[in-house]
Amino acid sequence: MAEGSEAGTMRSGRTLNHLVPGRDCGDCVACCEVLRIVDPEVGKPAGIMCRHNTGTGCGIHATRPDICRRWFCLWRRIDALPDEARPDRCGVIFCLEGEESHPNPFARFCVVARPVAGTRALRSPLVKQAVAMFARQGMLPVWTHRHGVRTLVYPPPDLADAIQRPGTTPFRGLVPAALAWRRRQGAAWPGE
């Protein structure tokens, strides 16, 4: 799936309220480069280092805009991710992303694994384990990102088909799980 214009965008809005105690960004500046930032003060495209970055942190940290104060990657928010999963260590930044108006319901609120410096990191055992953990949880769609294209990891294709087309899917045995998934998400689906 090619990404929409809002994919990988850091903006104010939906966040988790929890930060893992004792975890801080340290020298990691992955979000400063990987993400698109929508803000009049520090706005920038994805894949370009923020002009305020010093290489080891933010040059305007004390006065940085609210968008940067409130956004945290999932490594900062989920204690089940090991210390080695910090984006600058594992090469992947795990983000919560969402586009409420996205035509694909699986992209409206989801976990996305975005490589920091190259897609090879997506194949590392640690990153594969983290992606599998998010998929096992089953609460949100999970995507990987490569070269501007996102690939849906969870739900898998047969369940995704049953979720999208419960009345006509050839995967009839998955319809009860698909309907339960749709209820949990509480989102409108195309054609409804």
N, C-alpha and C. Protein backbone atom coordinates (compact mmCIF):
# COMPACT_ATOMS: atom_id res chain seq x y z
N MET A 1 0.84 -1.17 0.00
CA MET A 1 0.00 0.00 0.00
C MET A 1 0.89 1.23 0.00
N ALA A 2 0.71 2.09 -0.96
CA ALA A 2 1.45 3.36 -0.95
C ALA A 2 0.92 4.21 0.18
N GLU A 3 1.80 4.99 0.77
CA GLU A 3 1.40 5.78 1.92
C GLU A 3 0.60 7.00 1.49
N GLY A 4 -0.35 7.39 2.36
CA GLY A 4 -1.08 8.62 2.17
C GLY A 4 -0.20 9.79 2.57
N SER A 5 -0.67 10.99 2.30
CA SER A 5 0.13 12.18 2.59
C SER A 5 0.33 12.41 4.08
N GLU A 6 -0.48 11.83 4.94
CA GLU A 6 -0.37 12.03 6.38
C GLU A 6 0.42 10.94 7.08
N ALA A 7 0.82 9.89 6.38
CA ALA A 7 1.53 8.79 7.02
C ALA A 7 2.88 9.26 7.55
N GLY A 8 3.25 8.73 8.71
CA GLY A 8 4.52 9.08 9.31
C GLY A 8 4.60 10.52 9.77
N THR A 9 3.46 11.09 10.11
CA THR A 9 3.39 12.49 10.48
C THR A 9 3.32 12.66 11.98
N MET A 10 4.18 13.50 12.53
CA MET A 10 4.12 13.84 13.94
C MET A 10 3.21 15.05 14.06
N ARG A 11 2.18 14.92 14.86
CA ARG A 11 1.27 16.04 15.08
C ARG A 11 0.69 15.89 16.47
N SER A 12 0.13 16.96 16.97
CA SER A 12 -0.53 16.89 18.26
C SER A 12 -1.78 16.03 18.09
N GLY A 13 -2.22 15.43 19.17
CA GLY A 13 -3.43 14.62 19.10
C GLY A 13 -3.29 13.37 19.91
N ARG A 14 -3.69 12.25 19.30
CA ARG A 14 -3.73 10.98 19.99
C ARG A 14 -2.38 10.58 20.58
N THR A 15 -2.36 10.30 21.85
CA THR A 15 -1.14 9.80 22.48
C THR A 15 -1.53 8.84 23.59
N LEU A 16 -0.60 8.03 23.99
CA LEU A 16 -0.76 7.24 25.20
C LEU A 16 -0.27 8.12 26.34
N ASN A 17 -0.87 7.98 27.50
CA ASN A 17 -0.49 8.84 28.62
C ASN A 17 0.66 8.29 29.43
N HIS A 18 1.10 7.09 29.15
CA HIS A 18 2.09 6.42 29.97
C HIS A 18 3.47 6.50 29.34
N LEU A 19 4.47 6.82 30.16
CA LEU A 19 5.87 6.69 29.74
C LEU A 19 6.52 5.69 30.67
N VAL A 20 7.39 4.85 30.14
CA VAL A 20 8.08 3.84 30.94
C VAL A 20 9.03 4.57 31.90
N PRO A 21 8.88 4.34 33.20
CA PRO A 21 9.78 4.98 34.16
C PRO A 21 11.24 4.61 33.89
N GLY A 22 12.12 5.61 34.01
CA GLY A 22 13.54 5.37 33.84
C GLY A 22 14.02 5.34 32.40
N ARG A 23 13.13 5.47 31.45
CA ARG A 23 13.52 5.47 30.03
C ARG A 23 13.52 6.89 29.51
N ASP A 24 14.60 7.27 28.87
CA ASP A 24 14.61 8.55 28.19
C ASP A 24 15.26 8.38 26.82
N CYS A 25 15.16 9.40 26.03
CA CYS A 25 15.64 9.32 24.65
C CYS A 25 17.16 9.20 24.57
N GLY A 26 17.86 9.74 25.56
CA GLY A 26 19.32 9.72 25.49
C GLY A 26 19.79 10.41 24.22
N ASP A 27 20.70 9.78 23.48
CA ASP A 27 21.22 10.34 22.24
C ASP A 27 20.36 10.01 21.02
N CYS A 28 19.26 9.29 21.21
CA CYS A 28 18.41 8.91 20.08
C CYS A 28 17.69 10.15 19.53
N VAL A 29 17.79 10.35 18.24
CA VAL A 29 17.14 11.46 17.56
C VAL A 29 16.36 10.97 16.33
N ALA A 30 15.97 9.70 16.36
CA ALA A 30 15.31 9.09 15.20
C ALA A 30 14.05 9.85 14.79
N CYS A 31 13.22 10.23 15.75
CA CYS A 31 11.98 10.92 15.40
C CYS A 31 12.26 12.26 14.73
N CYS A 32 13.39 12.88 15.06
CA CYS A 32 13.76 14.18 14.49
C CYS A 32 14.07 14.07 12.99
N GLU A 33 14.36 12.87 12.52
CA GLU A 33 14.68 12.67 11.11
C GLU A 33 13.61 11.89 10.37
N VAL A 34 13.17 10.79 10.95
CA VAL A 34 12.30 9.85 10.22
C VAL A 34 10.91 10.42 9.96
N LEU A 35 10.36 11.14 10.93
CA LEU A 35 8.97 11.58 10.84
C LEU A 35 8.80 12.93 10.16
N ARG A 36 7.66 13.09 9.54
CA ARG A 36 7.24 14.39 9.03
C ARG A 36 6.66 15.13 10.23
N ILE A 37 7.00 16.39 10.38
CA ILE A 37 6.49 17.18 11.50
C ILE A 37 5.62 18.30 10.95
N VAL A 38 4.36 18.31 11.39
CA VAL A 38 3.41 19.34 10.96
C VAL A 38 3.31 20.35 12.09
N ASP A 39 4.03 21.45 11.94
CA ASP A 39 4.04 22.49 12.96
C ASP A 39 4.63 23.74 12.31
N PRO A 40 4.05 24.91 12.55
CA PRO A 40 4.59 26.12 11.91
C PRO A 40 6.00 26.48 12.37
N GLU A 41 6.38 26.10 13.58
CA GLU A 41 7.71 26.45 14.10
C GLU A 41 8.82 25.52 13.61
N VAL A 42 8.55 24.22 13.56
CA VAL A 42 9.59 23.24 13.23
C VAL A 42 9.21 22.29 12.11
N GLY A 43 8.16 22.59 11.37
CA GLY A 43 7.68 21.69 10.33
C GLY A 43 8.79 21.24 9.39
N LYS A 44 8.71 19.97 8.98
CA LYS A 44 9.73 19.42 8.09
C LYS A 44 9.19 18.17 7.42
N PRO A 45 9.74 17.80 6.26
CA PRO A 45 9.33 16.55 5.61
C PRO A 45 9.95 15.33 6.29
N ALA A 46 9.37 14.18 6.05
CA ALA A 46 9.93 12.92 6.55
C ALA A 46 11.27 12.67 5.87
N GLY A 47 12.18 12.04 6.62
CA GLY A 47 13.47 11.65 6.07
C GLY A 47 14.51 12.76 6.06
N ILE A 48 14.19 13.92 6.57
CA ILE A 48 15.12 15.05 6.64
C ILE A 48 15.31 15.39 8.11
N MET A 49 16.55 15.51 8.56
CA MET A 49 16.82 15.85 9.96
C MET A 49 16.27 17.24 10.26
N CYS A 50 15.65 17.41 11.39
CA CYS A 50 15.15 18.70 11.84
C CYS A 50 16.31 19.68 11.93
N ARG A 51 16.08 20.88 11.51
CA ARG A 51 17.14 21.90 11.49
C ARG A 51 17.62 22.27 12.90
N HIS A 52 16.86 21.92 13.92
CA HIS A 52 17.26 22.23 15.30
C HIS A 52 18.06 21.10 15.94
N ASN A 53 18.23 20.00 15.24
CA ASN A 53 18.96 18.87 15.80
C ASN A 53 20.45 19.13 15.80
N THR A 54 21.10 18.77 16.91
CA THR A 54 22.54 18.99 17.06
C THR A 54 23.34 17.73 16.72
N GLY A 55 22.66 16.63 16.46
CA GLY A 55 23.32 15.35 16.23
C GLY A 55 23.21 14.44 17.43
N THR A 56 23.06 15.03 18.60
CA THR A 56 22.87 14.24 19.83
C THR A 56 21.66 14.72 20.62
N GLY A 57 20.89 15.62 20.05
CA GLY A 57 19.72 16.12 20.76
C GLY A 57 19.17 17.36 20.07
N CYS A 58 18.26 18.00 20.78
CA CYS A 58 17.57 19.16 20.24
C CYS A 58 18.25 20.44 20.71
N GLY A 59 18.59 21.29 19.77
CA GLY A 59 19.22 22.56 20.09
C GLY A 59 18.29 23.55 20.74
N ILE A 60 16.99 23.31 20.64
CA ILE A 60 16.01 24.20 21.29
C ILE A 60 15.18 23.41 22.31
N HIS A 61 15.78 22.38 22.89
CA HIS A 61 15.06 21.48 23.79
C HIS A 61 14.26 22.23 24.86
N ALA A 62 14.85 23.22 25.49
CA ALA A 62 14.17 23.94 26.57
C ALA A 62 12.95 24.72 26.07
N THR A 63 12.97 25.12 24.80
CA THR A 63 11.85 25.91 24.27
C THR A 63 11.17 25.21 23.09
N ARG A 64 11.41 23.91 22.93
CA ARG A 64 10.85 23.19 21.79
C ARG A 64 9.32 23.29 21.79
N PRO A 65 8.70 23.21 20.63
CA PRO A 65 7.25 23.33 20.54
C PRO A 65 6.52 22.16 21.22
N ASP A 66 5.28 22.40 21.54
CA ASP A 66 4.46 21.41 22.22
C ASP A 66 4.39 20.09 21.46
N ILE A 67 4.36 20.15 20.14
CA ILE A 67 4.27 18.92 19.35
C ILE A 67 5.44 17.99 19.66
N CYS A 68 6.62 18.54 19.87
CA CYS A 68 7.80 17.74 20.17
C CYS A 68 7.84 17.33 21.65
N ARG A 69 7.26 18.13 22.51
CA ARG A 69 7.21 17.80 23.94
C ARG A 69 6.30 16.61 24.22
N ARG A 70 5.23 16.51 23.45
CA ARG A 70 4.20 15.50 23.76
C ARG A 70 4.31 14.22 22.95
N TRP A 71 5.12 14.18 21.89
CA TRP A 71 5.21 12.99 21.05
C TRP A 71 6.33 12.09 21.56
N PHE A 72 6.02 10.80 21.67
CA PHE A 72 7.02 9.81 22.08
C PHE A 72 6.82 8.54 21.26
N CYS A 73 7.92 7.90 20.89
CA CYS A 73 7.82 6.63 20.17
C CYS A 73 7.32 5.56 21.14
N LEU A 74 6.97 4.42 20.59
CA LEU A 74 6.43 3.34 21.42
C LEU A 74 7.48 2.73 22.35
N TRP A 75 8.76 2.85 22.04
CA TRP A 75 9.79 2.36 22.97
C TRP A 75 9.72 3.12 24.28
N ARG A 76 9.38 4.40 24.23
CA ARG A 76 9.25 5.19 25.45
C ARG A 76 7.96 4.86 26.20
N ARG A 77 6.99 4.27 25.53
CA ARG A 77 5.66 4.07 26.11
C ARG A 77 5.34 2.63 26.50
N ILE A 78 6.06 1.66 25.95
CA ILE A 78 5.70 0.26 26.16
C ILE A 78 6.88 -0.47 26.79
N ASP A 79 6.71 -0.87 28.05
CA ASP A 79 7.83 -1.48 28.77
C ASP A 79 8.16 -2.88 28.29
N ALA A 80 7.27 -3.51 27.53
CA ALA A 80 7.56 -4.85 26.99
C ALA A 80 8.62 -4.78 25.89
N LEU A 81 8.86 -3.60 25.34
CA LEU A 81 9.94 -3.45 24.36
C LEU A 81 11.25 -3.34 25.13
N PRO A 82 12.23 -4.17 24.83
CA PRO A 82 13.49 -4.16 25.59
C PRO A 82 14.30 -2.90 25.32
N ASP A 83 15.28 -2.64 26.17
CA ASP A 83 16.14 -1.47 26.00
C ASP A 83 16.80 -1.45 24.63
N GLU A 84 17.13 -2.62 24.10
CA GLU A 84 17.77 -2.71 22.79
C GLU A 84 16.86 -2.25 21.66
N ALA A 85 15.56 -2.09 21.93
CA ALA A 85 14.61 -1.67 20.90
C ALA A 85 14.52 -0.15 20.79
N ARG A 86 15.38 0.57 21.53
CA ARG A 86 15.40 2.03 21.33
C ARG A 86 15.74 2.26 19.87
N PRO A 87 15.06 3.19 19.20
CA PRO A 87 15.24 3.33 17.74
C PRO A 87 16.67 3.45 17.25
N ASP A 88 17.52 4.18 17.94
CA ASP A 88 18.89 4.32 17.46
C ASP A 88 19.70 3.05 17.67
N ARG A 89 19.22 2.15 18.50
CA ARG A 89 19.93 0.89 18.74
C ARG A 89 19.46 -0.21 17.80
N CYS A 90 18.15 -0.27 17.55
CA CYS A 90 17.62 -1.37 16.71
C CYS A 90 17.43 -0.95 15.26
N GLY A 91 17.47 0.35 14.97
CA GLY A 91 17.34 0.81 13.60
C GLY A 91 15.92 0.98 13.12
N VAL A 92 14.94 0.86 14.04
CA VAL A 92 13.53 0.99 13.68
C VAL A 92 12.84 1.81 14.75
N ILE A 93 11.99 2.73 14.33
CA ILE A 93 11.17 3.48 15.27
C ILE A 93 9.74 2.96 15.16
N PHE A 94 9.19 2.55 16.29
CA PHE A 94 7.81 2.07 16.35
C PHE A 94 6.93 3.24 16.76
N CYS A 95 5.91 3.50 15.95
CA CYS A 95 5.05 4.66 16.15
C CYS A 95 3.58 4.26 16.16
N LEU A 96 2.79 5.03 16.88
CA LEU A 96 1.34 4.98 16.72
C LEU A 96 1.02 6.03 15.67
N GLU A 97 0.29 5.64 14.65
CA GLU A 97 -0.07 6.57 13.59
C GLU A 97 -1.54 6.43 13.30
N GLY A 98 -2.09 7.44 12.71
CA GLY A 98 -3.48 7.36 12.33
C GLY A 98 -3.91 8.49 11.45
N GLU A 99 -4.78 8.15 10.54
CA GLU A 99 -5.42 9.11 9.66
C GLU A 99 -6.91 8.79 9.71
N GLU A 100 -7.66 9.56 10.47
CA GLU A 100 -9.07 9.22 10.68
C GLU A 100 -9.86 9.12 9.39
N SER A 101 -9.47 9.87 8.37
CA SER A 101 -10.22 9.85 7.12
C SER A 101 -9.62 8.90 6.08
N HIS A 102 -8.62 8.12 6.46
CA HIS A 102 -7.97 7.23 5.49
C HIS A 102 -8.98 6.23 4.94
N PRO A 103 -8.99 5.98 3.62
CA PRO A 103 -9.95 5.04 3.05
C PRO A 103 -9.72 3.59 3.49
N ASN A 104 -8.48 3.26 3.89
CA ASN A 104 -8.21 1.91 4.38
C ASN A 104 -8.40 1.91 5.89
N PRO A 105 -9.41 1.20 6.40
CA PRO A 105 -9.67 1.20 7.84
C PRO A 105 -8.48 0.71 8.67
N PHE A 106 -7.60 -0.08 8.07
CA PHE A 106 -6.44 -0.58 8.80
C PHE A 106 -5.37 0.49 8.99
N ALA A 107 -5.52 1.64 8.34
CA ALA A 107 -4.55 2.72 8.47
C ALA A 107 -5.09 3.87 9.33
N ARG A 108 -6.28 3.72 9.88
CA ARG A 108 -6.87 4.82 10.66
C ARG A 108 -6.22 5.00 12.02
N PHE A 109 -5.80 3.95 12.66
CA PHE A 109 -5.06 4.03 13.92
C PHE A 109 -4.29 2.73 14.02
N CYS A 110 -2.96 2.80 13.99
CA CYS A 110 -2.17 1.59 13.83
C CYS A 110 -0.76 1.76 14.38
N VAL A 111 -0.06 0.65 14.48
CA VAL A 111 1.36 0.63 14.83
C VAL A 111 2.13 0.51 13.53
N VAL A 112 3.15 1.35 13.38
CA VAL A 112 3.99 1.28 12.18
C VAL A 112 5.45 1.18 12.60
N ALA A 113 6.15 0.22 12.01
CA ALA A 113 7.59 0.06 12.22
C ALA A 113 8.29 0.73 11.05
N ARG A 114 8.99 1.84 11.33
CA ARG A 114 9.67 2.62 10.30
C ARG A 114 11.18 2.51 10.47
N PRO A 115 11.90 2.09 9.44
CA PRO A 115 13.36 2.01 9.56
C PRO A 115 13.97 3.40 9.72
N VAL A 116 15.04 3.45 10.50
CA VAL A 116 15.72 4.71 10.75
C VAL A 116 16.73 5.00 9.65
N ALA A 117 17.56 4.03 9.31
CA ALA A 117 18.62 4.30 8.34
C ALA A 117 18.64 3.33 7.18
N GLY A 118 17.74 2.40 7.12
CA GLY A 118 17.71 1.43 6.03
C GLY A 118 16.78 0.28 6.40
N THR A 119 16.22 -0.35 5.39
CA THR A 119 15.21 -1.38 5.64
C THR A 119 15.78 -2.69 6.18
N ARG A 120 17.09 -2.88 6.13
CA ARG A 120 17.69 -4.12 6.64
C ARG A 120 17.31 -4.34 8.11
N ALA A 121 17.17 -3.28 8.90
CA ALA A 121 16.84 -3.40 10.31
C ALA A 121 15.49 -4.08 10.53
N LEU A 122 14.58 -3.98 9.57
CA LEU A 122 13.27 -4.63 9.70
C LEU A 122 13.40 -6.16 9.72
N ARG A 123 14.52 -6.67 9.25
CA ARG A 123 14.73 -8.13 9.22
C ARG A 123 15.47 -8.65 10.44
N SER A 124 15.86 -7.77 11.35
CA SER A 124 16.60 -8.22 12.53
C SER A 124 15.69 -9.04 13.45
N PRO A 125 16.23 -10.02 14.16
CA PRO A 125 15.41 -10.82 15.07
C PRO A 125 14.68 -9.98 16.12
N LEU A 126 15.34 -8.97 16.66
CA LEU A 126 14.70 -8.12 17.67
C LEU A 126 13.49 -7.39 17.11
N VAL A 127 13.63 -6.81 15.93
CA VAL A 127 12.52 -6.07 15.32
C VAL A 127 11.40 -7.03 14.94
N LYS A 128 11.75 -8.19 14.40
CA LYS A 128 10.72 -9.18 14.08
C LYS A 128 9.96 -9.60 15.33
N GLN A 129 10.66 -9.77 16.46
CA GLN A 129 9.99 -10.12 17.72
C GLN A 129 9.06 -9.01 18.18
N ALA A 130 9.49 -7.76 18.04
CA ALA A 130 8.64 -6.64 18.44
C ALA A 130 7.39 -6.55 17.57
N VAL A 131 7.56 -6.70 16.26
CA VAL A 131 6.41 -6.68 15.35
C VAL A 131 5.46 -7.83 15.71
N ALA A 132 6.00 -9.01 15.97
CA ALA A 132 5.18 -10.17 16.35
C ALA A 132 4.44 -9.90 17.66
N MET A 133 5.08 -9.23 18.61
CA MET A 133 4.43 -8.89 19.88
C MET A 133 3.21 -8.01 19.64
N PHE A 134 3.36 -6.98 18.80
CA PHE A 134 2.23 -6.10 18.51
C PHE A 134 1.12 -6.88 17.80
N ALA A 135 1.49 -7.75 16.88
CA ALA A 135 0.49 -8.55 16.16
C ALA A 135 -0.22 -9.52 17.11
N ARG A 136 0.52 -10.17 18.01
CA ARG A 136 -0.11 -11.10 18.97
C ARG A 136 -1.11 -10.37 19.86
N GLN A 137 -0.79 -9.15 20.22
CA GLN A 137 -1.70 -8.38 21.06
C GLN A 137 -3.04 -8.22 20.34
N GLY A 138 -3.00 -8.01 19.05
CA GLY A 138 -4.21 -8.01 18.23
C GLY A 138 -5.14 -6.84 18.40
N MET A 139 -4.70 -5.80 19.06
CA MET A 139 -5.59 -4.67 19.30
C MET A 139 -5.58 -3.65 18.16
N LEU A 140 -4.44 -3.51 17.51
CA LEU A 140 -4.31 -2.52 16.44
C LEU A 140 -3.68 -3.17 15.21
N PRO A 141 -4.00 -2.66 14.04
CA PRO A 141 -3.28 -3.10 12.85
C PRO A 141 -1.79 -2.79 13.01
N VAL A 142 -0.96 -3.63 12.40
CA VAL A 142 0.49 -3.45 12.47
C VAL A 142 1.03 -3.44 11.04
N TRP A 143 1.85 -2.43 10.75
CA TRP A 143 2.44 -2.25 9.43
C TRP A 143 3.95 -2.18 9.55
N THR A 144 4.64 -2.58 8.49
CA THR A 144 6.05 -2.26 8.34
C THR A 144 6.16 -1.28 7.17
N HIS A 145 7.19 -0.48 7.20
CA HIS A 145 7.39 0.57 6.20
C HIS A 145 8.71 0.33 5.47
N ARG A 146 8.65 0.28 4.16
CA ARG A 146 9.86 0.12 3.34
C ARG A 146 9.75 1.00 2.11
N HIS A 147 10.72 1.86 1.94
CA HIS A 147 10.82 2.66 0.71
C HIS A 147 9.51 3.36 0.34
N GLY A 148 8.85 3.96 1.33
CA GLY A 148 7.61 4.69 1.06
C GLY A 148 6.38 3.82 0.91
N VAL A 149 6.51 2.53 1.12
CA VAL A 149 5.38 1.61 0.99
C VAL A 149 5.18 0.89 2.32
N ARG A 150 3.95 0.88 2.80
CA ARG A 150 3.65 0.15 4.02
C ARG A 150 3.03 -1.19 3.67
N THR A 151 3.40 -2.21 4.46
CA THR A 151 2.87 -3.56 4.27
C THR A 151 2.15 -3.96 5.54
N LEU A 152 0.91 -4.41 5.40
CA LEU A 152 0.12 -4.83 6.55
C LEU A 152 0.62 -6.18 7.05
N VAL A 153 1.00 -6.23 8.32
CA VAL A 153 1.47 -7.46 8.96
C VAL A 153 0.33 -8.10 9.73
N TYR A 154 -0.43 -7.29 10.45
CA TYR A 154 -1.57 -7.77 11.21
C TYR A 154 -2.71 -6.78 11.02
N PRO A 155 -3.89 -7.28 10.71
CA PRO A 155 -4.25 -8.68 10.57
C PRO A 155 -3.68 -9.29 9.29
N PRO A 156 -3.46 -10.62 9.33
CA PRO A 156 -2.94 -11.28 8.13
C PRO A 156 -3.97 -11.22 7.00
N PRO A 157 -3.55 -11.48 5.77
CA PRO A 157 -4.43 -11.28 4.62
C PRO A 157 -5.79 -11.96 4.70
N ASP A 158 -5.85 -13.22 5.15
CA ASP A 158 -7.15 -13.90 5.19
C ASP A 158 -8.08 -13.26 6.21
N LEU A 159 -7.58 -12.91 7.38
CA LEU A 159 -8.40 -12.24 8.39
C LEU A 159 -8.76 -10.83 7.93
N ALA A 160 -7.82 -10.13 7.30
CA ALA A 160 -8.10 -8.79 6.78
C ALA A 160 -9.24 -8.84 5.77
N ASP A 161 -9.24 -9.85 4.91
CA ASP A 161 -10.32 -10.00 3.94
C ASP A 161 -11.65 -10.22 4.66
N ALA A 162 -11.66 -11.07 5.66
CA ALA A 162 -12.89 -11.34 6.41
C ALA A 162 -13.36 -10.10 7.17
N ILE A 163 -12.44 -9.30 7.66
CA ILE A 163 -12.80 -8.06 8.35
C ILE A 163 -13.43 -7.08 7.37
N GLN A 164 -12.84 -6.96 6.20
CA GLN A 164 -13.33 -6.00 5.22
C GLN A 164 -14.60 -6.45 4.52
N ARG A 165 -14.75 -7.76 4.32
CA ARG A 165 -15.90 -8.28 3.57
C ARG A 165 -16.53 -9.47 4.28
N PRO A 166 -17.06 -9.28 5.48
CA PRO A 166 -17.57 -10.44 6.22
C PRO A 166 -18.71 -11.18 5.51
N GLY A 167 -19.46 -10.49 4.68
CA GLY A 167 -20.57 -11.14 3.99
C GLY A 167 -20.17 -11.92 2.77
N THR A 168 -19.02 -11.60 2.19
CA THR A 168 -18.64 -12.24 0.93
C THR A 168 -17.27 -12.91 0.96
N THR A 169 -16.58 -12.85 2.08
CA THR A 169 -15.24 -13.42 2.14
C THR A 169 -15.26 -14.93 1.93
N PRO A 170 -14.26 -15.48 1.25
CA PRO A 170 -14.17 -16.93 1.14
C PRO A 170 -13.68 -17.58 2.45
N PHE A 171 -13.23 -16.77 3.38
CA PHE A 171 -12.70 -17.27 4.66
C PHE A 171 -13.81 -17.26 5.71
N ARG A 172 -14.85 -18.03 5.47
CA ARG A 172 -16.06 -18.03 6.31
C ARG A 172 -15.75 -18.38 7.77
N GLY A 173 -14.81 -19.26 8.00
CA GLY A 173 -14.48 -19.65 9.36
C GLY A 173 -13.88 -18.52 10.19
N LEU A 174 -13.41 -17.46 9.51
CA LEU A 174 -12.81 -16.33 10.22
C LEU A 174 -13.79 -15.19 10.48
N VAL A 175 -15.03 -15.33 9.98
CA VAL A 175 -16.00 -14.24 10.13
C VAL A 175 -16.28 -13.90 11.59
N PRO A 176 -16.48 -14.87 12.50
CA PRO A 176 -16.71 -14.46 13.90
C PRO A 176 -15.54 -13.65 14.48
N ALA A 177 -14.32 -14.05 14.21
CA ALA A 177 -13.17 -13.30 14.69
C ALA A 177 -13.10 -11.93 14.00
N ALA A 178 -13.46 -11.89 12.74
CA ALA A 178 -13.45 -10.63 11.99
C ALA A 178 -14.47 -9.65 12.56
N LEU A 179 -15.67 -10.14 12.85
CA LEU A 179 -16.71 -9.26 13.41
C LEU A 179 -16.32 -8.77 14.81
N ALA A 180 -15.69 -9.63 15.59
CA ALA A 180 -15.21 -9.23 16.91
C ALA A 180 -14.14 -8.15 16.77
N TRP A 181 -13.25 -8.31 15.81
CA TRP A 181 -12.20 -7.32 15.57
C TRP A 181 -12.82 -5.98 15.20
N ARG A 182 -13.81 -6.01 14.32
CA ARG A 182 -14.49 -4.78 13.90
C ARG A 182 -15.16 -4.09 15.09
N ARG A 183 -15.80 -4.86 15.97
CA ARG A 183 -16.44 -4.26 17.15
C ARG A 183 -15.40 -3.60 18.05
N ARG A 184 -14.27 -4.27 18.25
CA ARG A 184 -13.21 -3.69 19.09
C ARG A 184 -12.70 -2.38 18.52
N GLN A 185 -12.59 -2.31 17.21
CA GLN A 185 -12.07 -1.10 16.57
C GLN A 185 -13.10 0.02 16.59
N GLY A 186 -14.37 -0.33 16.52
CA GLY A 186 -15.42 0.68 16.57
C GLY A 186 -15.38 1.69 15.44
N ALA A 187 -14.78 1.35 14.34
CA ALA A 187 -14.66 2.28 13.22
C ALA A 187 -15.67 1.93 12.12
N ALA A 188 -16.05 2.93 11.37
CA ALA A 188 -16.93 2.71 10.21
C ALA A 188 -16.10 2.04 9.12
N TRP A 189 -16.73 1.17 8.37
CA TRP A 189 -16.05 0.45 7.30
C TRP A 189 -16.63 0.86 5.97
N PRO A 190 -15.83 0.85 4.92
CA PRO A 190 -16.36 1.22 3.59
C PRO A 190 -17.57 0.35 3.26
N GLY A 191 -18.57 0.99 2.69
CA GLY A 191 -19.78 0.27 2.29
C GLY A 191 -20.80 0.15 3.41
N GLU A 192 -20.52 0.66 4.58
CA GLU A 192 -21.49 0.58 5.69
C GLU A 192 -22.24 1.88 5.81
